[in-house]
Amino acid sequence: MTGAQDDVRARKAALEDLINLRGSVDDAVKRLRVFDWDAANLVTLSPTTVVEVLDRYQSGDVTADGIAKWAQGIEVRDDIAFPPLFDTILKELLFELAHPEINRALSPESAREWSERLRQ
């Protein structure tokens, strides 16, 4: 195993932890800071994953602030891809979630609405 392969593996693991909201968002973002910004897509954020994260918010497992941090961590990354059919809606959702101060704040109702849109 080369150092470059280890770096790709470590980066991919941190990205997967971030998009799946495994552990702390701050920890995943910190682990990602050591890598260059300009990287090819290593992971894909699926609508199913986003619905699962929104379900965790609705069940009380994650706070609205936690969801905002999660979205902020993902929104700025070039190494996270979106499925082509969901590219626009996922970018719109992440922008709304990442910036509740200028958009509507996340609520159980808005989480349900987004989940329904992503399931269509």
PDB file of N, CA and C in Angstrom:
ATOM      1  N   MET A   1       0.856  -1.189   0.000  1.00  0.00           N
ATOM      2  CA  MET A   1       0.000   0.000   0.000  1.00  0.00           C
ATOM      3  C   MET A   1       0.890   1.236   0.000  1.00  0.00           C
ATOM      4  N   THR A   2       0.646   2.118  -0.931  1.00  0.00           N
ATOM      5  CA  THR A   2       1.440   3.351  -1.006  1.00  0.00           C
ATOM      6  C   THR A   2       0.819   4.429  -0.138  1.00  0.00           C
ATOM      7  N   GLY A   3       1.598   5.464   0.109  1.00  0.00           N
ATOM      8  CA  GLY A   3       1.090   6.587   0.887  1.00  0.00           C
ATOM      9  C   GLY A   3      -0.098   7.253   0.215  1.00  0.00           C
ATOM     10  N   ALA A   4      -0.051   7.357  -1.123  1.00  0.00           N
ATOM     11  CA  ALA A   4      -1.162   7.967  -1.860  1.00  0.00           C
ATOM     12  C   ALA A   4      -2.434   7.144  -1.718  1.00  0.00           C
ATOM     13  N   GLN A   5      -2.304   5.830  -1.773  1.00  0.00           N
ATOM     14  CA  GLN A   5      -3.486   4.959  -1.608  1.00  0.00           C
ATOM     15  C   GLN A   5      -4.042   5.078  -0.190  1.00  0.00           C
ATOM     16  N   ASP A   6      -3.147   5.159   0.778  1.00  0.00           N
ATOM     17  CA  ASP A   6      -3.590   5.341   2.167  1.00  0.00           C
ATOM     18  C   ASP A   6      -4.325   6.662   2.326  1.00  0.00           C
ATOM     19  N   ASP A   7      -3.815   7.719   1.665  1.00  0.00           N
ATOM     20  CA  ASP A   7      -4.467   9.026   1.736  1.00  0.00           C
ATOM     21  C   ASP A   7      -5.868   8.980   1.131  1.00  0.00           C
ATOM     22  N   VAL A   8      -5.992   8.321  -0.018  1.00  0.00           N
ATOM     23  CA  VAL A   8      -7.305   8.205  -0.666  1.00  0.00           C
ATOM     24  C   VAL A   8      -8.259   7.431   0.226  1.00  0.00           C
ATOM     25  N   ARG A   9      -7.773   6.370   0.816  1.00  0.00           N
ATOM     26  CA  ARG A   9      -8.615   5.571   1.716  1.00  0.00           C
ATOM     27  C   ARG A   9      -9.053   6.383   2.932  1.00  0.00           C
ATOM     28  N   ALA A  10      -8.121   7.112   3.522  1.00  0.00           N
ATOM     29  CA  ALA A  10      -8.438   7.926   4.705  1.00  0.00           C
ATOM     30  C   ALA A  10      -9.421   9.036   4.348  1.00  0.00           C
ATOM     31  N   ARG A  11      -9.211   9.642   3.203  1.00  0.00           N
ATOM     32  CA  ARG A  11     -10.109  10.711   2.757  1.00  0.00           C
ATOM     33  C   ARG A  11     -11.501  10.161   2.499  1.00  0.00           C
ATOM     34  N   LYS A  12     -11.575   9.033   1.812  1.00  0.00           N
ATOM     35  CA  LYS A  12     -12.869   8.429   1.511  1.00  0.00           C
ATOM     36  C   LYS A  12     -13.593   8.036   2.798  1.00  0.00           C
ATOM     37  N   ALA A  13     -12.874   7.488   3.760  1.00  0.00           N
ATOM     38  CA  ALA A  13     -13.482   7.111   5.043  1.00  0.00           C
ATOM     39  C   ALA A  13     -14.040   8.338   5.759  1.00  0.00           C
ATOM     40  N   ALA A  14     -13.283   9.435   5.759  1.00  0.00           N
ATOM     41  CA  ALA A  14     -13.754  10.664   6.407  1.00  0.00           C
ATOM     42  C   ALA A  14     -14.972  11.232   5.679  1.00  0.00           C
ATOM     43  N   LEU A  15     -14.964  11.183   4.346  1.00  0.00           N
ATOM     44  CA  LEU A  15     -16.117  11.651   3.565  1.00  0.00           C
ATOM     45  C   LEU A  15     -17.351  10.801   3.856  1.00  0.00           C
ATOM     46  N   GLU A  16     -17.167   9.494   3.908  1.00  0.00           N
ATOM     47  CA  GLU A  16     -18.305   8.610   4.201  1.00  0.00           C
ATOM     48  C   GLU A  16     -18.837   8.846   5.607  1.00  0.00           C
ATOM     49  N   ASP A  17     -17.941   9.078   6.558  1.00  0.00           N
ATOM     50  CA  ASP A  17     -18.393   9.402   7.916  1.00  0.00           C
ATOM     51  C   ASP A  17     -19.198  10.698   7.915  1.00  0.00           C
ATOM     52  N   LEU A  18     -18.733  11.675   7.144  1.00  0.00           N
ATOM     53  CA  LEU A  18     -19.437  12.957   7.067  1.00  0.00           C
ATOM     54  C   LEU A  18     -20.813  12.788   6.442  1.00  0.00           C
ATOM     55  N   ILE A  19     -20.891  12.199   5.249  1.00  0.00           N
ATOM     56  CA  ILE A  19     -22.191  12.144   4.568  1.00  0.00           C
ATOM     57  C   ILE A  19     -23.183  11.246   5.294  1.00  0.00           C
ATOM     58  N   ASN A  20     -22.679  10.221   5.998  1.00  0.00           N
ATOM     59  CA  ASN A  20     -23.573   9.328   6.736  1.00  0.00           C
ATOM     60  C   ASN A  20     -23.797   9.782   8.174  1.00  0.00           C
ATOM     61  N   LEU A  21     -23.190  10.902   8.533  1.00  0.00           N
ATOM     62  CA  LEU A  21     -23.306  11.470   9.883  1.00  0.00           C
ATOM     63  C   LEU A  21     -22.930  10.440  10.940  1.00  0.00           C
ATOM     64  N   ARG A  22     -21.795   9.785  10.692  1.00  0.00           N
ATOM     65  CA  ARG A  22     -21.232   8.842  11.668  1.00  0.00           C
ATOM     66  C   ARG A  22     -20.225   9.599  12.503  1.00  0.00           C
ATOM     67  N   GLY A  23     -20.447   9.636  13.781  1.00  0.00           N
ATOM     68  CA  GLY A  23     -19.548  10.380  14.648  1.00  0.00           C
ATOM     69  C   GLY A  23     -19.795  11.872  14.524  1.00  0.00           C
ATOM     70  N   SER A  24     -18.805  12.628  14.897  1.00  0.00           N
ATOM     71  CA  SER A  24     -18.907  14.082  14.931  1.00  0.00           C
ATOM     72  C   SER A  24     -18.614  14.684  13.554  1.00  0.00           C
ATOM     73  N   VAL A  25     -19.444  15.640  13.151  1.00  0.00           N
ATOM     74  CA  VAL A  25     -19.179  16.382  11.916  1.00  0.00           C
ATOM     75  C   VAL A  25     -17.843  17.100  12.046  1.00  0.00           C
ATOM     76  N   ASP A  26     -17.599  17.708  13.202  1.00  0.00           N
ATOM     77  CA  ASP A  26     -16.345  18.426  13.421  1.00  0.00           C
ATOM     78  C   ASP A  26     -15.139  17.510  13.239  1.00  0.00           C
ATOM     79  N   ASP A  27     -15.243  16.278  13.724  1.00  0.00           N
ATOM     80  CA  ASP A  27     -14.145  15.325  13.584  1.00  0.00           C
ATOM     81  C   ASP A  27     -13.905  14.985  12.113  1.00  0.00           C
ATOM     82  N   ALA A  28     -14.969  14.702  11.379  1.00  0.00           N
ATOM     83  CA  ALA A  28     -14.824  14.369   9.959  1.00  0.00           C
ATOM     84  C   ALA A  28     -14.228  15.542   9.182  1.00  0.00           C
ATOM     85  N   VAL A  29     -14.706  16.745   9.452  1.00  0.00           N
ATOM     86  CA  VAL A  29     -14.192  17.935   8.762  1.00  0.00           C
ATOM     87  C   VAL A  29     -12.716  18.150   9.109  1.00  0.00           C
ATOM     88  N   LYS A  30     -12.371  17.943  10.358  1.00  0.00           N
ATOM     89  CA  LYS A  30     -10.972  18.082  10.783  1.00  0.00           C
ATOM     90  C   LYS A  30     -10.095  17.074  10.045  1.00  0.00           C
ATOM     91  N   ARG A  31     -10.556  15.844   9.922  1.00  0.00           N
ATOM     92  CA  ARG A  31      -9.788  14.813   9.205  1.00  0.00           C
ATOM     93  C   ARG A  31      -9.630  15.169   7.729  1.00  0.00           C
ATOM     94  N   LEU A  32     -10.603  15.884   7.172  1.00  0.00           N
ATOM     95  CA  LEU A  32     -10.556  16.242   5.752  1.00  0.00           C
ATOM     96  C   LEU A  32      -9.672  17.462   5.474  1.00  0.00           C
ATOM     97  N   ARG A  33      -9.384  18.255   6.490  1.00  0.00           N
ATOM     98  CA  ARG A  33      -8.594  19.483   6.293  1.00  0.00           C
ATOM     99  C   ARG A  33      -7.185  19.211   5.772  1.00  0.00           C
ATOM    100  N   VAL A  34      -6.670  18.029   6.007  1.00  0.00           N
ATOM    101  CA  VAL A  34      -5.291  17.734   5.592  1.00  0.00           C
ATOM    102  C   VAL A  34      -5.178  17.465   4.093  1.00  0.00           C
ATOM    103  N   PHE A  35      -6.307  17.335   3.408  1.00  0.00           N
ATOM    104  CA  PHE A  35      -6.293  17.009   1.988  1.00  0.00           C
ATOM    105  C   PHE A  35      -6.550  18.252   1.133  1.00  0.00           C
ATOM    106  N   ASP A  36      -6.007  18.235  -0.089  1.00  0.00           N
ATOM    107  CA  ASP A  36      -6.253  19.320  -1.033  1.00  0.00           C
ATOM    108  C   ASP A  36      -7.738  19.426  -1.332  1.00  0.00           C
ATOM    109  N   TRP A  37      -8.155  20.625  -1.755  1.00  0.00           N
ATOM    110  CA  TRP A  37      -9.565  20.864  -2.074  1.00  0.00           C
ATOM    111  C   TRP A  37      -9.951  20.330  -3.439  1.00  0.00           C
ATOM    112  N   ASP A  38      -9.008  20.327  -4.353  1.00  0.00           N
ATOM    113  CA  ASP A  38      -9.344  19.967  -5.728  1.00  0.00           C
ATOM    114  C   ASP A  38      -9.146  18.469  -5.966  1.00  0.00           C
ATOM    115  N   ALA A  39     -10.163  17.721  -5.677  1.00  0.00           N
ATOM    116  CA  ALA A  39     -10.088  16.267  -5.840  1.00  0.00           C
ATOM    117  C   ALA A  39     -11.283  15.775  -6.638  1.00  0.00           C
ATOM    118  N   ALA A  40     -11.077  14.657  -7.272  1.00  0.00           N
ATOM    119  CA  ALA A  40     -12.183  14.022  -7.992  1.00  0.00           C
ATOM    120  C   ALA A  40     -13.208  13.522  -6.985  1.00  0.00           C
ATOM    121  N   ASN A  41     -14.405  13.296  -7.466  1.00  0.00           N
ATOM    122  CA  ASN A  41     -15.456  12.775  -6.604  1.00  0.00           C
ATOM    123  C   ASN A  41     -15.050  11.396  -6.079  1.00  0.00           C
ATOM    124  N   LEU A  42     -15.063  11.270  -4.777  1.00  0.00           N
ATOM    125  CA  LEU A  42     -14.694   9.999  -4.150  1.00  0.00           C
ATOM    126  C   LEU A  42     -15.900   9.266  -3.594  1.00  0.00           C
ATOM    127  N   VAL A  43     -16.918  10.016  -3.239  1.00  0.00           N
ATOM    128  CA  VAL A  43     -18.152   9.418  -2.701  1.00  0.00           C
ATOM    129  C   VAL A  43     -19.343  10.150  -3.310  1.00  0.00           C
ATOM    130  N   THR A  44     -20.486   9.515  -3.232  1.00  0.00           N
ATOM    131  CA  THR A  44     -21.720  10.108  -3.751  1.00  0.00           C
ATOM    132  C   THR A  44     -22.730  10.223  -2.616  1.00  0.00           C
ATOM    133  N   LEU A  45     -23.303  11.396  -2.498  1.00  0.00           N
ATOM    134  CA  LEU A  45     -24.372  11.628  -1.524  1.00  0.00           C
ATOM    135  C   LEU A  45     -25.689  11.256  -2.183  1.00  0.00           C
ATOM    136  N   SER A  46     -26.291  10.189  -1.728  1.00  0.00           N
ATOM    137  CA  SER A  46     -27.546   9.729  -2.328  1.00  0.00           C
ATOM    138  C   SER A  46     -28.743  10.346  -1.622  1.00  0.00           C
ATOM    139  N   PRO A  47     -29.861  10.439  -2.334  1.00  0.00           N
ATOM    140  CA  PRO A  47     -31.089  10.914  -1.685  1.00  0.00           C
ATOM    141  C   PRO A  47     -31.472  10.034  -0.498  1.00  0.00           C
ATOM    142  N   THR A  48     -31.219   8.745  -0.606  1.00  0.00           N
ATOM    143  CA  THR A  48     -31.546   7.820   0.490  1.00  0.00           C
ATOM    144  C   THR A  48     -30.770   8.186   1.745  1.00  0.00           C
ATOM    145  N   THR A  49     -29.509   8.517   1.593  1.00  0.00           N
ATOM    146  CA  THR A  49     -28.690   8.911   2.743  1.00  0.00           C
ATOM    147  C   THR A  49     -29.233  10.186   3.370  1.00  0.00           C
ATOM    148  N   VAL A  50     -29.616  11.141   2.549  1.00  0.00           N
ATOM    149  CA  VAL A  50     -30.151  12.405   3.073  1.00  0.00           C
ATOM    150  C   VAL A  50     -31.463  12.150   3.820  1.00  0.00           C
ATOM    151  N   VAL A  51     -32.319  11.313   3.273  1.00  0.00           N
ATOM    152  CA  VAL A  51     -33.579  10.979   3.952  1.00  0.00           C
ATOM    153  C   VAL A  51     -33.284  10.322   5.299  1.00  0.00           C
ATOM    154  N   GLU A  52     -32.299   9.443   5.349  1.00  0.00           N
ATOM    155  CA  GLU A  52     -31.932   8.799   6.614  1.00  0.00           C
ATOM    156  C   GLU A  52     -31.459   9.827   7.642  1.00  0.00           C
ATOM    157  N   VAL A  53     -30.670  10.800   7.197  1.00  0.00           N
ATOM    158  CA  VAL A  53     -30.206  11.856   8.108  1.00  0.00           C
ATOM    159  C   VAL A  53     -31.380  12.702   8.583  1.00  0.00           C
ATOM    160  N   LEU A  54     -32.286  13.045   7.676  1.00  0.00           N
ATOM    161  CA  LEU A  54     -33.473  13.817   8.074  1.00  0.00           C
ATOM    162  C   LEU A  54     -34.358  13.016   9.028  1.00  0.00           C
ATOM    163  N   ASP A  55     -34.441  11.710   8.824  1.00  0.00           N
ATOM    164  CA  ASP A  55     -35.190  10.847   9.757  1.00  0.00           C
ATOM    165  C   ASP A  55     -34.564  10.883  11.144  1.00  0.00           C
ATOM    166  N   ARG A  56     -33.234  10.923  11.191  1.00  0.00           N
ATOM    167  CA  ARG A  56     -32.552  10.997  12.485  1.00  0.00           C
ATOM    168  C   ARG A  56     -32.860  12.320  13.182  1.00  0.00           C
ATOM    169  N   TYR A  57     -32.991  13.383  12.422  1.00  0.00           N
ATOM    170  CA  TYR A  57     -33.401  14.668  13.000  1.00  0.00           C
ATOM    171  C   TYR A  57     -34.818  14.553  13.560  1.00  0.00           C
ATOM    172  N   GLN A  58     -35.715  13.984  12.769  1.00  0.00           N
ATOM    173  CA  GLN A  58     -37.115  13.888  13.193  1.00  0.00           C
ATOM    174  C   GLN A  58     -37.281  12.996  14.415  1.00  0.00           C
ATOM    175  N   SER A  59     -36.407  12.021  14.586  1.00  0.00           N
ATOM    176  CA  SER A  59     -36.505  11.139  15.749  1.00  0.00           C
ATOM    177  C   SER A  59     -35.818  11.729  16.982  1.00  0.00           C
ATOM    178  N   GLY A  60     -35.140  12.877  16.801  1.00  0.00           N
ATOM    179  CA  GLY A  60     -34.483  13.526  17.929  1.00  0.00           C
ATOM    180  C   GLY A  60     -33.042  13.092  18.132  1.00  0.00           C
ATOM    181  N   ASP A  61     -32.526  12.266  17.236  1.00  0.00           N
ATOM    182  CA  ASP A  61     -31.155  11.775  17.337  1.00  0.00           C
ATOM    183  C   ASP A  61     -30.139  12.873  16.997  1.00  0.00           C
ATOM    184  N   VAL A  62     -30.542  13.825  16.157  1.00  0.00           N
ATOM    185  CA  VAL A  62     -29.672  14.918  15.720  1.00  0.00           C
ATOM    186  C   VAL A  62     -30.463  16.221  15.838  1.00  0.00           C
ATOM    187  N   THR A  63     -29.804  17.272  16.294  1.00  0.00           N
ATOM    188  CA  THR A  63     -30.458  18.572  16.426  1.00  0.00           C
ATOM    189  C   THR A  63     -30.451  19.319  15.092  1.00  0.00           C
ATOM    190  N   ALA A  64     -31.233  20.375  15.025  1.00  0.00           N
ATOM    191  CA  ALA A  64     -31.230  21.227  13.835  1.00  0.00           C
ATOM    192  C   ALA A  64     -29.847  21.842  13.631  1.00  0.00           C
ATOM    193  N   ASP A  65     -29.179  22.225  14.710  1.00  0.00           N
ATOM    194  CA  ASP A  65     -27.813  22.756  14.593  1.00  0.00           C
ATOM    195  C   ASP A  65     -26.861  21.697  14.049  1.00  0.00           C
ATOM    196  N   GLY A  66     -27.043  20.462  14.483  1.00  0.00           N
ATOM    197  CA  GLY A  66     -26.218  19.364  13.975  1.00  0.00           C
ATOM    198  C   GLY A  66     -26.431  19.145  12.491  1.00  0.00           C
ATOM    199  N   ILE A  67     -27.675  19.265  12.053  1.00  0.00           N
ATOM    200  CA  ILE A  67     -27.985  19.123  10.621  1.00  0.00           C
ATOM    201  C   ILE A  67     -27.366  20.283   9.841  1.00  0.00           C
ATOM    202  N   ALA A  68     -27.405  21.493  10.385  1.00  0.00           N
ATOM    203  CA  ALA A  68     -26.798  22.645   9.708  1.00  0.00           C
ATOM    204  C   ALA A  68     -25.293  22.439   9.547  1.00  0.00           C
ATOM    205  N   LYS A  69     -24.618  21.976  10.600  1.00  0.00           N
ATOM    206  CA  LYS A  69     -23.179  21.707  10.513  1.00  0.00           C
ATOM    207  C   LYS A  69     -22.890  20.629   9.474  1.00  0.00           C
ATOM    208  N   TRP A  70     -23.721  19.599   9.467  1.00  0.00           N
ATOM    209  CA  TRP A  70     -23.567  18.503   8.497  1.00  0.00           C
ATOM    210  C   TRP A  70     -23.671  19.054   7.075  1.00  0.00           C
ATOM    211  N   ALA A  71     -24.698  19.854   6.826  1.00  0.00           N
ATOM    212  CA  ALA A  71     -24.900  20.414   5.486  1.00  0.00           C
ATOM    213  C   ALA A  71     -23.764  21.365   5.113  1.00  0.00           C
ATOM    214  N   GLN A  72     -23.290  22.158   6.057  1.00  0.00           N
ATOM    215  CA  GLN A  72     -22.174  23.063   5.789  1.00  0.00           C
ATOM    216  C   GLN A  72     -20.914  22.283   5.422  1.00  0.00           C
ATOM    217  N   GLY A  73     -20.701  21.174   6.105  1.00  0.00           N
ATOM    218  CA  GLY A  73     -19.534  20.347   5.817  1.00  0.00           C
ATOM    219  C   GLY A  73     -19.575  19.738   4.434  1.00  0.00           C
ATOM    220  N   ILE A  74     -20.754  19.413   3.963  1.00  0.00           N
ATOM    221  CA  ILE A  74     -20.909  18.786   2.648  1.00  0.00           C
ATOM    222  C   ILE A  74     -20.959  19.822   1.535  1.00  0.00           C
ATOM    223  N   GLU A  75     -21.642  20.908   1.786  1.00  0.00           N
ATOM    224  CA  GLU A  75     -21.923  21.911   0.745  1.00  0.00           C
ATOM    225  C   GLU A  75     -20.660  22.424   0.055  1.00  0.00           C
ATOM    226  N   VAL A  76     -19.581  22.561   0.766  1.00  0.00           N
ATOM    227  CA  VAL A  76     -18.370  23.163   0.212  1.00  0.00           C
ATOM    228  C   VAL A  76     -17.418  22.166  -0.439  1.00  0.00           C
ATOM    229  N   ARG A  77     -17.744  20.888  -0.415  1.00  0.00           N
ATOM    230  CA  ARG A  77     -16.821  19.852  -0.870  1.00  0.00           C
ATOM    231  C   ARG A  77     -16.963  19.575  -2.358  1.00  0.00           C
ATOM    232  N   ASP A  78     -15.835  19.524  -3.052  1.00  0.00           N
ATOM    233  CA  ASP A  78     -15.817  19.148  -4.465  1.00  0.00           C
ATOM    234  C   ASP A  78     -15.635  17.651  -4.648  1.00  0.00           C
ATOM    235  N   ASP A  79     -15.288  16.951  -3.573  1.00  0.00           N
ATOM    236  CA  ASP A  79     -15.029  15.519  -3.676  1.00  0.00           C
ATOM    237  C   ASP A  79     -16.251  14.676  -3.323  1.00  0.00           C
ATOM    238  N   ILE A  80     -17.403  15.323  -3.166  1.00  0.00           N
ATOM    239  CA  ILE A  80     -18.664  14.623  -2.938  1.00  0.00           C
ATOM    240  C   ILE A  80     -19.551  14.856  -4.160  1.00  0.00           C
ATOM    241  N   ALA A  81     -19.935  13.769  -4.792  1.00  0.00           N
ATOM    242  CA  ALA A  81     -20.789  13.849  -5.985  1.00  0.00           C
ATOM    243  C   ALA A  81     -22.251  13.706  -5.594  1.00  0.00           C
ATOM    244  N   PHE A  82     -23.111  14.126  -6.528  1.00  0.00           N
ATOM    245  CA  PHE A  82     -24.557  13.954  -6.383  1.00  0.00           C
ATOM    246  C   PHE A  82     -25.050  13.191  -7.605  1.00  0.00           C
ATOM    247  N   PRO A  83     -25.997  12.287  -7.429  1.00  0.00           N
ATOM    248  CA  PRO A  83     -26.546  11.608  -8.599  1.00  0.00           C
ATOM    249  C   PRO A  83     -27.136  12.650  -9.559  1.00  0.00           C
ATOM    250  N   PRO A  84     -26.885  12.512 -10.859  1.00  0.00           N
ATOM    251  CA  PRO A  84     -27.338  13.530 -11.815  1.00  0.00           C
ATOM    252  C   PRO A  84     -28.817  13.906 -11.697  1.00  0.00           C
ATOM    253  N   LEU A  85     -29.680  12.944 -11.483  1.00  0.00           N
ATOM    254  CA  LEU A  85     -31.113  13.245 -11.387  1.00  0.00           C
ATOM    255  C   LEU A  85     -31.477  14.046 -10.134  1.00  0.00           C
ATOM    256  N   PHE A  86     -30.582  14.048  -9.154  1.00  0.00           N
ATOM    257  CA  PHE A  86     -30.866  14.713  -7.881  1.00  0.00           C
ATOM    258  C   PHE A  86     -29.913  15.873  -7.596  1.00  0.00           C
ATOM    259  N   ASP A  87     -29.067  16.199  -8.553  1.00  0.00           N
ATOM    260  CA  ASP A  87     -28.050  17.231  -8.355  1.00  0.00           C
ATOM    261  C   ASP A  87     -28.669  18.553  -7.894  1.00  0.00           C
ATOM    262  N   THR A  88     -29.642  19.046  -8.608  1.00  0.00           N
ATOM    263  CA  THR A  88     -30.235  20.350  -8.298  1.00  0.00           C
ATOM    264  C   THR A  88     -30.942  20.341  -6.951  1.00  0.00           C
ATOM    265  N   ILE A  89     -31.760  19.341  -6.695  1.00  0.00           N
ATOM    266  CA  ILE A  89     -32.523  19.317  -5.440  1.00  0.00           C
ATOM    267  C   ILE A  89     -31.598  19.136  -4.239  1.00  0.00           C
ATOM    268  N   LEU A  90     -30.548  18.324  -4.372  1.00  0.00           N
ATOM    269  CA  LEU A  90     -29.635  18.144  -3.250  1.00  0.00           C
ATOM    270  C   LEU A  90     -28.852  19.421  -2.967  1.00  0.00           C
ATOM    271  N   LYS A  91     -28.434  20.124  -4.002  1.00  0.00           N
ATOM    272  CA  LYS A  91     -27.732  21.397  -3.788  1.00  0.00           C
ATOM    273  C   LYS A  91     -28.655  22.426  -3.146  1.00  0.00           C
ATOM    274  N   GLU A  92     -29.901  22.459  -3.577  1.00  0.00           N
ATOM    275  CA  GLU A  92     -30.891  23.369  -2.988  1.00  0.00           C
ATOM    276  C   GLU A  92     -31.120  23.033  -1.517  1.00  0.00           C
ATOM    277  N   LEU A  93     -31.293  21.755  -1.231  1.00  0.00           N
ATOM    278  CA  LEU A  93     -31.513  21.306   0.143  1.00  0.00           C
ATOM    279  C   LEU A  93     -30.318  21.639   1.026  1.00  0.00           C
ATOM    280  N   LEU A  94     -29.111  21.317   0.566  1.00  0.00           N
ATOM    281  CA  LEU A  94     -27.926  21.586   1.373  1.00  0.00           C
ATOM    282  C   LEU A  94     -27.762  23.078   1.649  1.00  0.00           C
ATOM    283  N   PHE A  95     -28.045  23.911   0.647  1.00  0.00           N
ATOM    284  CA  PHE A  95     -27.969  25.356   0.862  1.00  0.00           C
ATOM    285  C   PHE A  95     -28.971  25.789   1.932  1.00  0.00           C
ATOM    286  N   GLU A  96     -30.193  25.289   1.844  1.00  0.00           N
ATOM    287  CA  GLU A  96     -31.206  25.661   2.836  1.00  0.00           C
ATOM    288  C   GLU A  96     -30.809  25.198   4.231  1.00  0.00           C
ATOM    289  N   LEU A  97     -30.351  23.954   4.336  1.00  0.00           N
ATOM    290  CA  LEU A  97     -29.991  23.412   5.646  1.00  0.00           C
ATOM    291  C   LEU A  97     -28.748  24.079   6.228  1.00  0.00           C
ATOM    292  N   ALA A  98     -27.792  24.400   5.361  1.00  0.00           N
ATOM    293  CA  ALA A  98     -26.527  24.972   5.827  1.00  0.00           C
ATOM    294  C   ALA A  98     -26.660  26.426   6.267  1.00  0.00           C
ATOM    295  N   HIS A  99     -27.711  27.093   5.792  1.00  0.00           N
ATOM    296  CA  HIS A  99     -27.861  28.531   6.068  1.00  0.00           C
ATOM    297  C   HIS A  99     -29.259  28.855   6.599  1.00  0.00           C
ATOM    298  N   PRO A 100     -29.610  28.314   7.767  1.00  0.00           N
ATOM    299  CA  PRO A 100     -30.963  28.556   8.289  1.00  0.00           C
ATOM    300  C   PRO A 100     -31.212  30.025   8.633  1.00  0.00           C
ATOM    301  N   GLU A 101     -30.138  30.787   8.831  1.00  0.00           N
ATOM    302  CA  GLU A 101     -30.306  32.196   9.176  1.00  0.00           C
ATOM    303  C   GLU A 101     -30.831  33.016   8.002  1.00  0.00           C
ATOM    304  N   ILE A 102     -30.642  32.548   6.768  1.00  0.00           N
ATOM    305  CA  ILE A 102     -31.168  33.274   5.612  1.00  0.00           C
ATOM    306  C   ILE A 102     -32.241  32.492   4.867  1.00  0.00           C
ATOM    307  N   ASN A 103     -32.459  31.255   5.279  1.00  0.00           N
ATOM    308  CA  ASN A 103     -33.511  30.406   4.713  1.00  0.00           C
ATOM    309  C   ASN A 103     -34.480  30.054   5.831  1.00  0.00           C
ATOM    310  N   ARG A 104     -35.426  29.218   5.533  1.00  0.00           N
ATOM    311  CA  ARG A 104     -36.291  28.773   6.630  1.00  0.00           C
ATOM    312  C   ARG A 104     -35.509  27.804   7.516  1.00  0.00           C
ATOM    313  N   ALA A 105     -35.775  27.895   8.796  1.00  0.00           N
ATOM    314  CA  ALA A 105     -35.118  27.012   9.747  1.00  0.00           C
ATOM    315  C   ALA A 105     -35.678  25.600   9.595  1.00  0.00           C
ATOM    316  N   LEU A 106     -34.824  24.623   9.840  1.00  0.00           N
ATOM    317  CA  LEU A 106     -35.269  23.236   9.773  1.00  0.00           C
ATOM    318  C   LEU A 106     -36.291  22.972  10.877  1.00  0.00           C
ATOM    319  N   SER A 107     -37.356  22.302  10.506  1.00  0.00           N
ATOM    320  CA  SER A 107     -38.402  21.909  11.447  1.00  0.00           C
ATOM    321  C   SER A 107     -38.826  20.492  11.077  1.00  0.00           C
ATOM    322  N   PRO A 108     -39.556  19.827  11.954  1.00  0.00           N
ATOM    323  CA  PRO A 108     -40.055  18.499  11.578  1.00  0.00           C
ATOM    324  C   PRO A 108     -40.870  18.540  10.286  1.00  0.00           C
ATOM    325  N   GLU A 109     -41.645  19.600  10.107  1.00  0.00           N
ATOM    326  CA  GLU A 109     -42.456  19.728   8.890  1.00  0.00           C
ATOM    327  C   GLU A 109     -41.584  19.877   7.644  1.00  0.00           C
ATOM    328  N   SER A 110     -40.579  20.751   7.709  1.00  0.00           N
ATOM    329  CA  SER A 110     -39.723  20.938   6.526  1.00  0.00           C
ATOM    330  C   SER A 110     -38.891  19.683   6.255  1.00  0.00           C
ATOM    331  N   ALA A 111     -38.475  18.982   7.307  1.00  0.00           N
ATOM    332  CA  ALA A 111     -37.738  17.722   7.115  1.00  0.00           C
ATOM    333  C   ALA A 111     -38.612  16.697   6.393  1.00  0.00           C
ATOM    334  N   ARG A 112     -39.889  16.625   6.771  1.00  0.00           N
ATOM    335  CA  ARG A 112     -40.823  15.709   6.081  1.00  0.00           C
ATOM    336  C   ARG A 112     -41.008  16.112   4.619  1.00  0.00           C
ATOM    337  N   GLU A 113     -41.151  17.413   4.384  1.00  0.00           N
ATOM    338  CA  GLU A 113     -41.324  17.901   3.004  1.00  0.00           C
ATOM    339  C   GLU A 113     -40.128  17.527   2.140  1.00  0.00           C
ATOM    340  N   TRP A 114     -38.910  17.773   2.650  1.00  0.00           N
ATOM    341  CA  TRP A 114     -37.712  17.429   1.889  1.00  0.00           C
ATOM    342  C   TRP A 114     -37.629  15.923   1.656  1.00  0.00           C
ATOM    343  N   SER A 115     -37.931  15.150   2.670  1.00  0.00           N
ATOM    344  CA  SER A 115     -37.884  13.685   2.524  1.00  0.00           C
ATOM    345  C   SER A 115     -38.853  13.219   1.444  1.00  0.00           C
ATOM    346  N   GLU A 116     -40.050  13.796   1.438  1.00  0.00           N
ATOM    347  CA  GLU A 116     -41.027  13.433   0.409  1.00  0.00           C
ATOM    348  C   GLU A 116     -40.530  13.795  -0.979  1.00  0.00           C
ATOM    349  N   ARG A 117     -39.947  14.973  -1.134  1.00  0.00           N
ATOM    350  CA  ARG A 117     -39.405  15.385  -2.432  1.00  0.00           C
ATOM    351  C   ARG A 117     -38.294  14.456  -2.894  1.00  0.00           C
ATOM    352  N   LEU A 118     -37.464  14.022  -1.979  1.00  0.00           N
ATOM    353  CA  LEU A 118     -36.333  13.153  -2.346  1.00  0.00           C
ATOM    354  C   LEU A 118     -36.777  11.728  -2.656  1.00  0.00           C
ATOM    355  N   ARG A 119     -37.918  11.339  -2.153  1.00  0.00           N
ATOM    356  CA  ARG A 119     -38.429   9.980  -2.424  1.00  0.00           C
ATOM    357  C   ARG A 119     -39.138   9.888  -3.764  1.00  0.00           C
ATOM    358  N   GLN A 120     -39.460  11.014  -4.382  1.00  0.00           N
ATOM    359  CA  GLN A 120     -40.197  11.006  -5.649  1.00  0.00           C
ATOM    360  C   GLN A 120     -39.333  10.565  -6.798  1.00  0.00           C
TER     361      GLN A 120
END
